[in-house]
Structures are given as C-alpha cells and as structure tokens.
C-alpha atoms as a PDB file:
ATOM      1  CA  MET A   1     -10.358  42.103  50.700  1.00  0.00           C
ATOM      2  CA  GLY A   2     -14.120  41.491  50.497  1.00  0.00           C
ATOM      3  CA  PHE A   3     -16.238  38.354  51.256  1.00  0.00           C
ATOM      4  CA  LEU A   4     -19.507  37.480  49.492  1.00  0.00           C
ATOM      5  CA  ALA A   5     -21.530  34.284  49.518  1.00  0.00           C
ATOM      6  CA  GLY A   6     -18.466  32.221  51.464  1.00  0.00           C
ATOM      7  CA  ARG A   7     -15.918  33.408  49.022  1.00  0.00           C
ATOM      8  CA  THR A   8     -13.163  35.875  49.656  1.00  0.00           C
ATOM      9  CA  TYR A   9     -12.168  38.340  47.041  1.00  0.00           C
ATOM     10  CA  ALA A  10      -8.964  40.579  47.207  1.00  0.00           C
ATOM     11  CA  SER A  11      -7.278  43.267  45.020  1.00  0.00           C
ATOM     12  CA  THR A  12      -4.930  45.842  45.135  1.00  0.00           C
ATOM     13  CA  ASP A  13      -7.223  48.278  43.288  1.00  0.00           C
ATOM     14  CA  ARG A  14     -10.001  49.240  45.714  1.00  0.00           C
ATOM     15  CA  GLU A  15     -12.570  50.528  42.806  1.00  0.00           C
ATOM     16  CA  GLU A  16     -12.014  47.299  41.139  1.00  0.00           C
ATOM     17  CA  LEU A  17     -12.776  45.080  43.989  1.00  0.00           C
ATOM     18  CA  ILE A  18     -15.904  47.028  44.886  1.00  0.00           C
ATOM     19  CA  ASP A  19     -16.986  46.776  41.048  1.00  0.00           C
ATOM     20  CA  THR A  20     -16.250  42.920  41.121  1.00  0.00           C
ATOM     21  CA  LEU A  21     -18.127  42.437  44.486  1.00  0.00           C
ATOM     22  CA  ALA A  22     -21.101  44.551  43.237  1.00  0.00           C
ATOM     23  CA  THR A  23     -21.359  42.528  39.924  1.00  0.00           C
ATOM     24  CA  ARG A  24     -20.992  39.166  41.616  1.00  0.00           C
ATOM     25  CA  ALA A  25     -23.683  40.244  44.284  1.00  0.00           C
ATOM     26  CA  LEU A  26     -25.982  41.037  41.245  1.00  0.00           C
ATOM     27  CA  GLU A  27     -25.362  37.845  39.098  1.00  0.00           C
ATOM     28  CA  ARG A  28     -25.951  35.703  42.445  1.00  0.00           C
ATOM     29  CA  ALA A  29     -29.419  37.845  43.334  1.00  0.00           C
ATOM     30  CA  TYR A  30     -30.457  36.596  39.680  1.00  0.00           C
ATOM     31  CA  GLY A  31     -29.659  33.005  40.403  1.00  0.00           C
ATOM     32  CA  TYR A  32     -26.381  32.994  38.410  1.00  0.00           C
ATOM     33  CA  HIS A  33     -23.330  31.104  39.180  1.00  0.00           C
ATOM     34  CA  PRO A  34     -20.579  33.395  38.230  1.00  0.00           C
ATOM     35  CA  SER A  35     -17.280  31.656  37.385  1.00  0.00           C
ATOM     36  CA  PRO A  36     -14.095  32.373  39.524  1.00  0.00           C
ATOM     37  CA  ALA A  37     -12.695  35.721  39.426  1.00  0.00           C
ATOM     38  CA  ILE A  38      -9.152  37.094  39.346  1.00  0.00           C
ATOM     39  CA  GLU A  39      -9.870  38.371  42.638  1.00  0.00           C
ATOM     40  CA  GLU A  40     -10.568  35.124  44.074  1.00  0.00           C
ATOM     41  CA  HIS A  41      -7.524  33.671  42.822  1.00  0.00           C
ATOM     42  CA  TYR A  42      -5.675  36.759  44.530  1.00  0.00           C
ATOM     43  CA  ALA A  43      -7.221  36.054  47.628  1.00  0.00           C
ATOM     44  CA  TRP A  44      -6.271  32.438  47.553  1.00  0.00           C
ATOM     45  CA  CYS A  45      -2.667  33.303  46.750  1.00  0.00           C
ATOM     46  CA  LEU A  46      -2.689  35.887  49.854  1.00  0.00           C
ATOM     47  CA  ASP A  47      -4.264  33.520  52.122  1.00  0.00           C
ATOM     48  CA  ARG A  48      -1.371  30.823  51.184  1.00  0.00           C
ATOM     49  CA  TYR A  49       1.434  33.491  51.219  1.00  0.00           C
ATOM     50  CA  ILE A  50       2.425  32.301  47.650  1.00  0.00           C
ATOM     51  CA  GLN A  51       5.235  34.660  46.726  1.00  0.00           C
ATOM     52  CA  ASN A  52       5.987  36.225  43.176  1.00  0.00           C
ATOM     53  CA  PHE A  53       9.106  33.970  43.048  1.00  0.00           C
ATOM     54  CA  ALA A  54      10.554  35.676  39.870  1.00  0.00           C
ATOM     55  CA  GLY A  55      10.120  38.971  41.254  1.00  0.00           C
ATOM     56  CA  TRP A  56      11.483  37.826  44.601  1.00  0.00           C
ATOM     57  CA  ARG A  57      14.512  36.649  42.864  1.00  0.00           C
ATOM     58  CA  GLU A  58      14.812  39.594  40.876  1.00  0.00           C
ATOM     59  CA  ASN A  59      14.408  42.389  43.592  1.00  0.00           C
ATOM     60  CA  MET A  60      15.993  40.204  46.605  1.00  0.00           C
ATOM     61  CA  GLU A  61      18.031  37.409  45.736  1.00  0.00           C
ATOM     62  CA  LYS A  62      20.214  38.899  43.016  1.00  0.00           C
ATOM     63  CA  PRO A  63      21.004  41.932  44.872  1.00  0.00           C
ATOM     64  CA  GLN A  64      22.056  40.106  48.048  1.00  0.00           C
ATOM     65  CA  VAL A  65      24.296  37.871  45.780  1.00  0.00           C
ATOM     66  CA  MET A  66      25.810  40.908  44.277  1.00  0.00           C
ATOM     67  CA  ASP A  67      26.402  42.248  47.723  1.00  0.00           C
ATOM     68  CA  GLN A  68      28.160  38.913  49.052  1.00  0.00           C
ATOM     69  CA  LEU A  69      30.327  39.010  45.917  1.00  0.00           C
ATOM     70  CA  VAL A  70      31.212  42.689  46.500  1.00  0.00           C
ATOM     71  CA  ASN A  71      31.945  42.166  50.030  1.00  0.00           C
ATOM     72  CA  GLU A  72      34.083  38.820  49.510  1.00  0.00           C
ATOM     73  CA  VAL A  73      36.218  41.126  47.008  1.00  0.00           C
ATOM     74  CA  LEU A  74      36.611  44.021  49.512  1.00  0.00           C
ATOM     75  CA  ASP A  75      37.522  41.565  52.518  1.00  0.00           C
ATOM     76  CA  SER A  76      40.286  39.965  50.368  1.00  0.00           C
ATOM     77  CA  GLU A  77      43.818  40.982  51.101  1.00  0.00           C
ATOM     78  CA  ASP A  78      44.669  42.369  47.666  1.00  0.00           C
ATOM     79  CA  GLY A  79      41.182  43.524  46.857  1.00  0.00           C
ATOM     80  CA  MET A  80      41.192  40.873  43.986  1.00  0.00           C
ATOM     81  CA  LEU A  81      39.916  37.217  43.956  1.00  0.00           C
ATOM     82  CA  PRO A  82      39.925  34.549  41.036  1.00  0.00           C
ATOM     83  CA  LYS A  83      36.628  34.047  39.790  1.00  0.00           C
ATOM     84  CA  GLU A  84      36.458  30.297  40.855  1.00  0.00           C
ATOM     85  CA  VAL A  85      37.549  31.203  44.452  1.00  0.00           C
ATOM     86  CA  LEU A  86      34.940  33.972  44.744  1.00  0.00           C
ATOM     87  CA  ALA A  87      32.236  32.004  43.392  1.00  0.00           C
ATOM     88  CA  GLN A  88      32.999  29.048  45.864  1.00  0.00           C
ATOM     89  CA  ARG A  89      33.256  31.402  48.659  1.00  0.00           C
ATOM     90  CA  VAL A  90      29.686  32.810  47.908  1.00  0.00           C
ATOM     91  CA  VAL A  91      28.126  29.573  47.351  1.00  0.00           C
ATOM     92  CA  GLU A  92      29.453  27.976  50.433  1.00  0.00           C
ATOM     93  CA  HIS A  93      28.345  30.808  52.593  1.00  0.00           C
ATOM     94  CA  ASP A  94      24.794  30.260  50.973  1.00  0.00           C
ATOM     95  CA  ARG A  95      24.884  26.611  51.772  1.00  0.00           C
ATOM     96  CA  ARG A  96      25.839  27.171  55.394  1.00  0.00           C
ATOM     97  CA  HIS A  97      22.874  29.552  55.778  1.00  0.00           C
ATOM     98  CA  VAL A  98      20.108  28.392  54.031  1.00  0.00           C
ATOM     99  CA  TRP A  99      19.830  24.771  54.812  1.00  0.00           C
ATOM    100  CA  MET A 100      21.299  23.021  57.793  1.00  0.00           C
ATOM    101  CA  ARG A 101      20.712  19.635  56.535  1.00  0.00           C
ATOM    102  CA  ALA A 102      18.581  18.831  53.333  1.00  0.00           C
ATOM    103  CA  PRO A 103      16.429  15.784  53.563  1.00  0.00           C
ATOM    104  CA  VAL A 104      17.825  12.383  52.146  1.00  0.00           C
ATOM    105  CA  ARG A 105      15.558   9.756  50.614  1.00  0.00           C
ATOM    106  CA  GLY A 106      14.797   7.196  52.938  1.00  0.00           C
ATOM    107  CA  ASP A 107      14.495   9.538  55.987  1.00  0.00           C
ATOM    108  CA  GLY A 108      10.847   8.859  56.262  1.00  0.00           C
ATOM    109  CA  LEU A 109       9.898  11.790  54.132  1.00  0.00           C
END
C-alpha cells in the first residue's frame, strides 16, 4: 500500500505500485489531476474487505458442500442415500448453521 496526496494505492506487485506512485507524483507536480488508477480501486476494495465472491465460491463453498455430501453418505448405515434425502440433509444443515433467523419485512429493517 502507498499513500499520495490524500489517496491510498495498493497492489500485489510492488514494482507496479512504485511505478504508479511515481507517475502520479510527477503528474501532480506538473499540476495535472490524474484519473483514478486501478491501484486506488484495489485499495478501496481492501479497505472494505470486498471479497472475490466467484473465487470464494469456487475455492471455499463448493469444496465444503462436497465434503458435507461425502460425509453424509459415509455416515449413513448402508453407505448409500437417495439423492433427494442427501440434498435435503445438506441443505438443512446449511440453513441451521448459516442463519439463525432471516429478517422479515416489517421488522423495522
């Protein structure tokens, strides 16, 4: 992360960040008002902990669901379950552990 003229910049590539900061500093020194950089947007996202939802879903959520499916089958008596029962067990498990109570319209929300 870097800071310049009241703005925050961030990048995963150190050299790219240094280049962006140096370029922005020169532009400001010559009186230009540079447009927002990708590094500013990245810093904004980091500041707000905005996740890469598609990446999280692919790398975290799908493997967790697969593990739950496999564990339900392994824990069954015969090592087999009808897919409707299997899906229902996994969905109900997720509902119990993700949300205790969903907000309802009219609750003052």
